[in-house]
Amino acid sequence: IPNITANAASARNGVTVAGGKGSGNATNQLHLPSDLVVDDDQTVVIADTWNHRIIQWKKDDTNGQVVVDGKGLGNRTDQLNYPSDVLIDKVTDSFIICDQNNRRVV
Protein backbone atom coordinates (compact mmCIF):
# COMPACT_ATOMS: atom_id res chain seq x y z
CA ILE A 1 0.00 0.00 0.00
CA PRO A 2 1.54 3.30 -0.97
CA ASN A 3 1.87 5.99 1.69
CA ILE A 4 -0.72 8.72 1.16
CA THR A 5 0.03 12.17 2.50
CA ALA A 6 -2.61 14.62 3.71
CA ASN A 7 -1.98 16.93 0.73
CA ALA A 8 -2.01 14.18 -1.91
CA ALA A 9 -3.70 14.88 -5.24
CA SER A 10 -6.04 12.41 -6.89
CA ALA A 11 -4.60 9.99 -9.43
CA ARG A 12 -6.06 8.72 -12.67
CA ASN A 13 -5.10 5.11 -12.04
CA GLY A 14 -5.77 3.08 -8.92
CA VAL A 15 -3.58 0.37 -7.41
CA THR A 16 -5.01 -3.04 -6.54
CA VAL A 17 -3.92 -3.94 -3.02
CA ALA A 18 -6.09 -7.06 -2.47
CA GLY A 19 -7.87 -9.52 -4.73
CA GLY A 20 -8.11 -8.59 -8.37
CA LYS A 21 -8.08 -12.21 -9.57
CA GLY A 22 -11.82 -12.51 -10.12
CA SER A 23 -14.53 -13.58 -7.72
CA GLY A 24 -13.76 -16.71 -5.72
CA ASN A 25 -12.55 -18.21 -2.46
CA ALA A 26 -8.81 -18.62 -3.12
CA THR A 27 -6.49 -16.53 -0.97
CA ASN A 28 -5.85 -14.17 -3.91
CA GLN A 29 -9.60 -13.64 -4.50
CA LEU A 30 -12.52 -11.93 -2.79
CA HIS A 31 -16.27 -12.51 -3.14
CA LEU A 32 -18.31 -9.42 -2.30
CA PRO A 33 -15.94 -7.62 0.05
CA SER A 34 -18.06 -5.22 2.10
CA ASP A 35 -15.76 -3.45 4.56
CA LEU A 36 -12.08 -2.93 5.24
CA VAL A 37 -9.76 -1.40 7.76
CA VAL A 38 -6.07 -0.59 7.45
CA ASP A 39 -3.93 -1.04 10.56
CA ASP A 40 -0.81 0.86 11.60
CA ASP A 41 1.57 -1.35 9.59
CA GLN A 42 -0.60 -0.90 6.45
CA THR A 43 -2.11 -4.39 6.61
CA VAL A 44 -5.54 -4.36 4.95
CA VAL A 45 -8.19 -6.39 6.82
CA ILE A 46 -11.33 -7.18 4.78
CA ALA A 47 -14.79 -8.51 5.58
CA ASP A 48 -15.06 -10.96 2.64
CA THR A 49 -18.82 -11.30 2.98
CA TRP A 50 -19.80 -14.07 0.56
CA ASN A 51 -16.79 -16.18 1.54
CA HIS A 52 -17.88 -15.89 5.21
CA ARG A 53 -14.40 -14.89 6.36
CA ILE A 54 -12.11 -12.08 7.44
CA ILE A 55 -8.96 -11.99 5.34
CA GLN A 56 -5.90 -9.77 5.57
CA TRP A 57 -3.29 -8.61 3.09
CA LYS A 58 0.06 -7.46 4.38
CA LYS A 59 1.84 -4.77 2.39
CA ASP A 60 3.13 -6.08 -0.98
CA ASP A 61 1.61 -9.59 -0.53
CA THR A 62 0.05 -11.29 -3.56
CA ASN A 63 -2.16 -13.57 -1.43
CA GLY A 64 -4.19 -12.84 1.64
CA GLN A 65 -4.30 -14.80 4.87
CA VAL A 66 -7.61 -15.92 6.35
CA VAL A 67 -7.56 -14.66 9.94
CA VAL A 68 -11.14 -15.37 11.06
CA ASP A 69 -13.28 -18.33 10.03
CA GLY A 70 -12.70 -19.83 6.61
CA LYS A 71 -14.75 -22.85 7.72
CA GLY A 72 -17.73 -21.85 5.60
CA LEU A 73 -21.19 -20.52 6.31
CA GLY A 74 -22.56 -21.38 9.74
CA ASN A 75 -23.67 -20.27 13.19
CA ARG A 76 -21.13 -22.05 15.37
CA THR A 77 -18.80 -19.86 17.42
CA ASP A 78 -15.98 -20.63 14.95
CA GLN A 79 -18.02 -19.69 11.85
CA LEU A 80 -19.35 -16.52 10.25
CA ASN A 81 -22.52 -15.96 8.23
CA TYR A 82 -22.10 -13.02 5.83
CA PRO A 83 -19.78 -10.78 7.88
CA SER A 84 -20.44 -7.19 6.86
CA ASP A 85 -18.06 -5.03 8.92
CA VAL A 86 -14.72 -5.36 10.68
CA LEU A 87 -12.84 -3.15 13.15
CA ILE A 88 -9.53 -3.55 14.95
CA ASP A 89 -9.55 -3.09 18.73
CA LYS A 90 -6.00 -1.92 19.45
CA VAL A 91 -6.45 -2.25 23.22
CA THR A 92 -7.22 -5.99 23.10
CA ASP A 93 -5.41 -6.64 19.78
CA SER A 94 -8.53 -8.29 18.36
CA PHE A 95 -11.14 -7.89 15.64
CA ILE A 96 -14.71 -6.74 16.20
CA ILE A 97 -16.91 -8.27 13.50
CA CYS A 98 -20.52 -7.65 12.55
CA ASP A 99 -21.70 -11.19 11.72
CA GLN A 100 -24.77 -10.06 9.81
CA ASN A 101 -26.87 -13.19 9.26
CA ASN A 102 -26.04 -14.63 12.67
CA ARG A 103 -27.29 -11.32 14.09
CA ARG A 104 -24.32 -10.93 16.39
CA VAL A 105 -21.20 -8.86 16.95
CA VAL A 106 -18.14 -10.95 17.82
C-alpha atoms as a PDB file:
ATOM      1  CA  ILE A   1       0.000   0.000   0.000  1.00  0.00           C
ATOM      2  CA  PRO A   2       1.535   3.301  -0.968  1.00  0.00           C
ATOM      3  CA  ASN A   3       1.873   5.993   1.691  1.00  0.00           C
ATOM      4  CA  ILE A   4      -0.721   8.719   1.158  1.00  0.00           C
ATOM      5  CA  THR A   5       0.029  12.174   2.502  1.00  0.00           C
ATOM      6  CA  ALA A   6      -2.608  14.623   3.706  1.00  0.00           C
ATOM      7  CA  ASN A   7      -1.982  16.935   0.735  1.00  0.00           C
ATOM      8  CA  ALA A   8      -2.005  14.184  -1.907  1.00  0.00           C
ATOM      9  CA  ALA A   9      -3.701  14.884  -5.235  1.00  0.00           C
ATOM     10  CA  SER A  10      -6.037  12.414  -6.890  1.00  0.00           C
ATOM     11  CA  ALA A  11      -4.600   9.988  -9.430  1.00  0.00           C
ATOM     12  CA  ARG A  12      -6.060   8.720 -12.672  1.00  0.00           C
ATOM     13  CA  ASN A  13      -5.099   5.105 -12.039  1.00  0.00           C
ATOM     14  CA  GLY A  14      -5.766   3.078  -8.916  1.00  0.00           C
ATOM     15  CA  VAL A  15      -3.576   0.370  -7.410  1.00  0.00           C
ATOM     16  CA  THR A  16      -5.015  -3.037  -6.542  1.00  0.00           C
ATOM     17  CA  VAL A  17      -3.921  -3.942  -3.018  1.00  0.00           C
ATOM     18  CA  ALA A  18      -6.087  -7.056  -2.471  1.00  0.00           C
ATOM     19  CA  GLY A  19      -7.869  -9.522  -4.725  1.00  0.00           C
ATOM     20  CA  GLY A  20      -8.112  -8.593  -8.370  1.00  0.00           C
ATOM     21  CA  LYS A  21      -8.077 -12.215  -9.574  1.00  0.00           C
ATOM     22  CA  GLY A  22     -11.823 -12.506 -10.123  1.00  0.00           C
ATOM     23  CA  SER A  23     -14.532 -13.582  -7.723  1.00  0.00           C
ATOM     24  CA  GLY A  24     -13.756 -16.710  -5.720  1.00  0.00           C
ATOM     25  CA  ASN A  25     -12.550 -18.208  -2.455  1.00  0.00           C
ATOM     26  CA  ALA A  26      -8.812 -18.623  -3.124  1.00  0.00           C
ATOM     27  CA  THR A  27      -6.485 -16.526  -0.973  1.00  0.00           C
ATOM     28  CA  ASN A  28      -5.855 -14.174  -3.909  1.00  0.00           C
ATOM     29  CA  GLN A  29      -9.597 -13.644  -4.499  1.00  0.00           C
ATOM     30  CA  LEU A  30     -12.523 -11.933  -2.795  1.00  0.00           C
ATOM     31  CA  HIS A  31     -16.271 -12.513  -3.143  1.00  0.00           C
ATOM     32  CA  LEU A  32     -18.310  -9.416  -2.303  1.00  0.00           C
ATOM     33  CA  PRO A  33     -15.944  -7.616   0.055  1.00  0.00           C
ATOM     34  CA  SER A  34     -18.060  -5.224   2.100  1.00  0.00           C
ATOM     35  CA  ASP A  35     -15.760  -3.452   4.561  1.00  0.00           C
ATOM     36  CA  LEU A  36     -12.081  -2.934   5.239  1.00  0.00           C
ATOM     37  CA  VAL A  37      -9.762  -1.400   7.762  1.00  0.00           C
ATOM     38  CA  VAL A  38      -6.065  -0.589   7.448  1.00  0.00           C
ATOM     39  CA  ASP A  39      -3.930  -1.038  10.557  1.00  0.00           C
ATOM     40  CA  ASP A  40      -0.807   0.858  11.597  1.00  0.00           C
ATOM     41  CA  ASP A  41       1.570  -1.347   9.592  1.00  0.00           C
ATOM     42  CA  GLN A  42      -0.599  -0.902   6.450  1.00  0.00           C
ATOM     43  CA  THR A  43      -2.113  -4.389   6.612  1.00  0.00           C
ATOM     44  CA  VAL A  44      -5.542  -4.356   4.950  1.00  0.00           C
ATOM     45  CA  VAL A  45      -8.186  -6.394   6.822  1.00  0.00           C
ATOM     46  CA  ILE A  46     -11.326  -7.176   4.775  1.00  0.00           C
ATOM     47  CA  ALA A  47     -14.793  -8.514   5.575  1.00  0.00           C
ATOM     48  CA  ASP A  48     -15.060 -10.959   2.641  1.00  0.00           C
ATOM     49  CA  THR A  49     -18.816 -11.300   2.977  1.00  0.00           C
ATOM     50  CA  TRP A  50     -19.802 -14.069   0.561  1.00  0.00           C
ATOM     51  CA  ASN A  51     -16.790 -16.177   1.540  1.00  0.00           C
ATOM     52  CA  HIS A  52     -17.881 -15.891   5.208  1.00  0.00           C
ATOM     53  CA  ARG A  53     -14.398 -14.889   6.358  1.00  0.00           C
ATOM     54  CA  ILE A  54     -12.112 -12.077   7.443  1.00  0.00           C
ATOM     55  CA  ILE A  55      -8.956 -11.988   5.339  1.00  0.00           C
ATOM     56  CA  GLN A  56      -5.901  -9.769   5.573  1.00  0.00           C
ATOM     57  CA  TRP A  57      -3.293  -8.610   3.087  1.00  0.00           C
ATOM     58  CA  LYS A  58       0.063  -7.461   4.376  1.00  0.00           C
ATOM     59  CA  LYS A  59       1.843  -4.772   2.392  1.00  0.00           C
ATOM     60  CA  ASP A  60       3.127  -6.080  -0.984  1.00  0.00           C
ATOM     61  CA  ASP A  61       1.606  -9.585  -0.532  1.00  0.00           C
ATOM     62  CA  THR A  62       0.048 -11.285  -3.563  1.00  0.00           C
ATOM     63  CA  ASN A  63      -2.159 -13.566  -1.434  1.00  0.00           C
ATOM     64  CA  GLY A  64      -4.191 -12.842   1.644  1.00  0.00           C
ATOM     65  CA  GLN A  65      -4.300 -14.801   4.866  1.00  0.00           C
ATOM     66  CA  VAL A  66      -7.614 -15.921   6.352  1.00  0.00           C
ATOM     67  CA  VAL A  67      -7.562 -14.658   9.942  1.00  0.00           C
ATOM     68  CA  VAL A  68     -11.139 -15.369  11.062  1.00  0.00           C
ATOM     69  CA  ASP A  69     -13.282 -18.334  10.035  1.00  0.00           C
ATOM     70  CA  GLY A  70     -12.697 -19.831   6.610  1.00  0.00           C
ATOM     71  CA  LYS A  71     -14.751 -22.847   7.715  1.00  0.00           C
ATOM     72  CA  GLY A  72     -17.733 -21.847   5.602  1.00  0.00           C
ATOM     73  CA  LEU A  73     -21.195 -20.516   6.311  1.00  0.00           C
ATOM     74  CA  GLY A  74     -22.563 -21.380   9.739  1.00  0.00           C
ATOM     75  CA  ASN A  75     -23.670 -20.269  13.187  1.00  0.00           C
ATOM     76  CA  ARG A  76     -21.133 -22.048  15.373  1.00  0.00           C
ATOM     77  CA  THR A  77     -18.798 -19.860  17.417  1.00  0.00           C
ATOM     78  CA  ASP A  78     -15.979 -20.627  14.947  1.00  0.00           C
ATOM     79  CA  GLN A  79     -18.023 -19.689  11.850  1.00  0.00           C
ATOM     80  CA  LEU A  80     -19.354 -16.519  10.252  1.00  0.00           C
ATOM     81  CA  ASN A  81     -22.516 -15.961   8.231  1.00  0.00           C
ATOM     82  CA  TYR A  82     -22.101 -13.017   5.832  1.00  0.00           C
ATOM     83  CA  PRO A  83     -19.775 -10.778   7.884  1.00  0.00           C
ATOM     84  CA  SER A  84     -20.436  -7.194   6.856  1.00  0.00           C
ATOM     85  CA  ASP A  85     -18.060  -5.026   8.920  1.00  0.00           C
ATOM     86  CA  VAL A  86     -14.721  -5.360  10.683  1.00  0.00           C
ATOM     87  CA  LEU A  87     -12.838  -3.148  13.149  1.00  0.00           C
ATOM     88  CA  ILE A  88      -9.527  -3.554  14.949  1.00  0.00           C
ATOM     89  CA  ASP A  89      -9.555  -3.088  18.725  1.00  0.00           C
ATOM     90  CA  LYS A  90      -6.002  -1.924  19.453  1.00  0.00           C
ATOM     91  CA  VAL A  91      -6.447  -2.255  23.224  1.00  0.00           C
ATOM     92  CA  THR A  92      -7.218  -5.990  23.104  1.00  0.00           C
ATOM     93  CA  ASP A  93      -5.415  -6.644  19.783  1.00  0.00           C
ATOM     94  CA  SER A  94      -8.530  -8.285  18.359  1.00  0.00           C
ATOM     95  CA  PHE A  95     -11.140  -7.891  15.641  1.00  0.00           C
ATOM     96  CA  ILE A  96     -14.713  -6.739  16.200  1.00  0.00           C
ATOM     97  CA  ILE A  97     -16.914  -8.269  13.502  1.00  0.00           C
ATOM     98  CA  CYS A  98     -20.524  -7.649  12.551  1.00  0.00           C
ATOM     99  CA  ASP A  99     -21.696 -11.190  11.721  1.00  0.00           C
ATOM    100  CA  GLN A 100     -24.766 -10.062   9.806  1.00  0.00           C
ATOM    101  CA  ASN A 101     -26.875 -13.186   9.259  1.00  0.00           C
ATOM    102  CA  ASN A 102     -26.045 -14.635  12.673  1.00  0.00           C
ATOM    103  CA  ARG A 103     -27.285 -11.324  14.090  1.00  0.00           C
ATOM    104  CA  ARG A 104     -24.315 -10.933  16.393  1.00  0.00           C
ATOM    105  CA  VAL A 105     -21.196  -8.861  16.945  1.00  0.00           C
ATOM    106  CA  VAL A 106     -18.144 -10.947  17.824  1.00  0.00           C
END
